Amino acid sequence: MDEADILGDRIGIMKGGKVVALGSPIFLKSTFGAGYNLIMVKSSSEPNTKIMPFLQQHLNDSGVKKQSEIQQEMSVIIPSRCAQSFPNFFKEFDANLAGLVIQSYGITLSTLEEVFLKVGNLDDKKAPGLD
């Protein structure tokens, strides 16, 4: 999937012998992806109750969802619509890392693998991107 993401100008995804999604990797990720994956390394292995209220408040979006929290790692999905808030949000986030009990973090766009799995689970309706 990583090679297709890097090398592919247009990628087609088939289901049941029919093309159900077609477009550039960026188009497919923005259309079918969950948004952004924020992965944080916590300072403690205890459950973190501070981060979700902080994210929802500072991103002004209740669509921010915790994906997993295992030991000292926590993963959160941030909807794409929040991207316009990122410059101000990350300034505030960086300033509050210690108070949120976070050591470090990274953020990525949905992967092409996540898109492939999501498209594979779509109903048999016509998917966006095919005209």
Protein backbone atom coordinates (compact mmCIF):
# COMPACT_ATOMS: atom_id res chain seq x y z
CA MET A 1 0.00 0.00 0.00
CA ASP A 2 2.84 2.41 0.77
CA GLU A 3 4.30 1.90 -2.70
CA ALA A 4 0.93 2.56 -4.32
CA ASP A 5 0.57 5.69 -2.21
CA ILE A 6 3.99 7.02 -3.19
CA LEU A 7 4.13 5.93 -6.84
CA GLY A 8 0.49 5.99 -7.94
CA ASP A 9 -0.92 9.00 -9.78
CA ARG A 10 -4.36 7.39 -9.87
CA ILE A 11 -5.44 4.40 -7.85
CA GLY A 12 -8.48 2.26 -8.50
CA ILE A 13 -10.09 0.09 -5.83
CA MET A 14 -12.22 -2.83 -6.97
CA LYS A 15 -14.92 -4.73 -5.09
CA GLY A 16 -16.76 -7.67 -6.55
CA GLY A 17 -15.11 -7.16 -9.94
CA LYS A 18 -16.22 -3.52 -10.22
CA VAL A 19 -14.26 -0.33 -9.69
CA VAL A 20 -15.78 1.36 -6.65
CA ALA A 21 -13.23 4.14 -6.09
CA LEU A 22 -10.81 5.89 -8.40
CA GLY A 23 -8.56 8.87 -7.88
CA SER A 24 -5.26 10.19 -6.62
CA PRO A 25 -4.04 9.00 -3.21
CA ILE A 26 -4.82 12.44 -1.72
CA PHE A 27 -8.35 12.39 -3.18
CA LEU A 28 -9.02 8.88 -1.87
CA LYS A 29 -7.70 9.76 1.58
CA SER A 30 -9.74 12.96 1.80
CA THR A 31 -12.90 11.28 0.48
CA PHE A 32 -12.77 7.95 2.30
CA GLY A 33 -10.24 8.50 5.10
CA ALA A 34 -11.17 9.00 8.72
CA GLY A 35 -9.15 12.21 8.88
CA TYR A 36 -5.95 12.56 10.87
CA ASN A 37 -4.40 10.09 13.31
CA LEU A 38 -2.89 11.81 16.34
CA ILE A 39 -0.61 9.38 18.17
CA MET A 40 0.66 10.45 21.58
CA VAL A 41 3.23 9.00 23.95
CA LYS A 42 1.96 9.51 27.49
CA SER A 43 4.18 10.25 30.49
CA SER A 44 2.29 7.63 32.49
CA SER A 45 0.66 4.29 31.74
CA GLU A 46 -2.43 5.39 33.68
CA PRO A 47 -5.57 6.19 31.61
CA ASN A 48 -5.48 9.82 30.43
CA THR A 49 -8.73 11.65 31.21
CA LYS A 50 -7.43 15.13 30.31
CA ILE A 51 -6.66 14.82 26.61
CA MET A 52 -10.10 14.16 25.09
CA PRO A 53 -11.81 17.18 26.70
CA PHE A 54 -8.81 19.33 25.69
CA LEU A 55 -8.92 18.14 22.06
CA GLN A 56 -12.68 18.54 21.74
CA GLN A 57 -12.61 22.01 23.28
CA HIS A 58 -9.62 23.39 21.37
CA LEU A 59 -10.61 21.85 18.03
CA ASN A 60 -14.27 22.83 18.58
CA ASP A 61 -15.39 19.44 17.34
CA SER A 62 -17.17 16.62 19.14
CA GLY A 63 -16.19 14.31 16.25
CA VAL A 64 -12.73 13.82 17.77
CA LYS A 65 -12.67 10.15 18.84
CA LYS A 66 -10.25 8.05 20.87
CA GLN A 67 -9.14 5.09 18.80
CA SER A 68 -7.00 3.31 21.38
CA GLU A 69 -5.10 3.76 24.62
CA ILE A 70 -2.60 1.06 25.47
CA GLN A 71 0.05 1.48 28.16
CA GLN A 72 1.86 4.74 27.31
CA GLU A 73 0.42 5.25 23.82
CA MET A 74 -2.85 6.88 22.88
CA SER A 75 -4.30 7.24 19.40
CA VAL A 76 -7.04 9.71 18.47
CA ILE A 77 -8.86 10.30 15.18
CA ILE A 78 -9.37 13.96 14.27
CA PRO A 79 -11.84 14.72 11.44
CA SER A 80 -10.41 16.42 8.33
CA ARG A 81 -12.68 19.42 8.89
CA CYS A 82 -10.51 20.35 11.92
CA ALA A 83 -7.40 20.99 9.78
CA GLN A 84 -8.13 24.72 9.54
CA SER A 85 -7.77 24.93 13.34
CA PHE A 86 -4.37 23.18 13.41
CA PRO A 87 -2.03 26.22 13.50
CA ASN A 88 -3.60 27.67 16.65
CA PHE A 89 -4.40 24.28 18.12
CA PHE A 90 -0.83 22.96 17.93
CA LYS A 91 0.59 26.13 19.53
CA GLU A 92 -1.79 25.60 22.46
CA PHE A 93 -1.20 21.83 22.50
CA ASP A 94 2.59 22.23 22.59
CA ALA A 95 2.30 24.71 25.46
CA ASN A 96 0.19 22.28 27.51
CA LEU A 97 1.93 18.92 26.89
CA ALA A 98 3.23 18.57 30.46
CA GLY A 99 -0.17 19.39 31.97
CA LEU A 100 -1.82 16.86 29.65
CA VAL A 101 0.72 14.21 30.69
CA ILE A 102 2.00 13.84 27.11
CA GLN A 103 5.70 13.34 26.30
CA SER A 104 5.53 13.54 22.52
CA TYR A 105 3.14 13.15 19.60
CA GLY A 106 2.89 12.71 15.86
CA ILE A 107 0.09 13.29 13.40
CA THR A 108 -0.56 11.62 10.05
CA LEU A 109 -3.27 11.56 7.44
CA SER A 110 -5.31 8.37 7.08
CA THR A 111 -3.31 5.67 5.36
CA LEU A 112 -4.21 4.17 2.02
CA GLU A 113 -4.69 0.86 3.82
CA GLU A 114 -7.40 2.43 6.01
CA VAL A 115 -9.04 3.80 2.86
CA PHE A 116 -8.90 0.39 1.17
CA LEU A 117 -10.53 -1.30 4.18
CA LYS A 118 -13.22 1.37 4.44
CA VAL A 119 -14.04 1.22 0.71
CA GLY A 120 -14.19 -2.57 0.91
CA ASN A 121 -16.87 -2.29 3.60
CA LEU A 122 -19.03 0.27 1.76
CA ASP A 123 -22.49 -0.65 0.58
CA ASP A 124 -22.84 -1.45 -3.09
CA LYS A 125 -23.90 2.15 -3.76
CA LYS A 126 -21.89 4.19 -6.20
CA ALA A 127 -18.85 5.56 -4.39
CA PRO A 128 -17.65 9.17 -4.80
CA GLY A 129 -14.88 9.59 -7.35
CA LEU A 130 -16.49 7.64 -10.18
CA ASP A 131 -18.38 9.67 -12.68
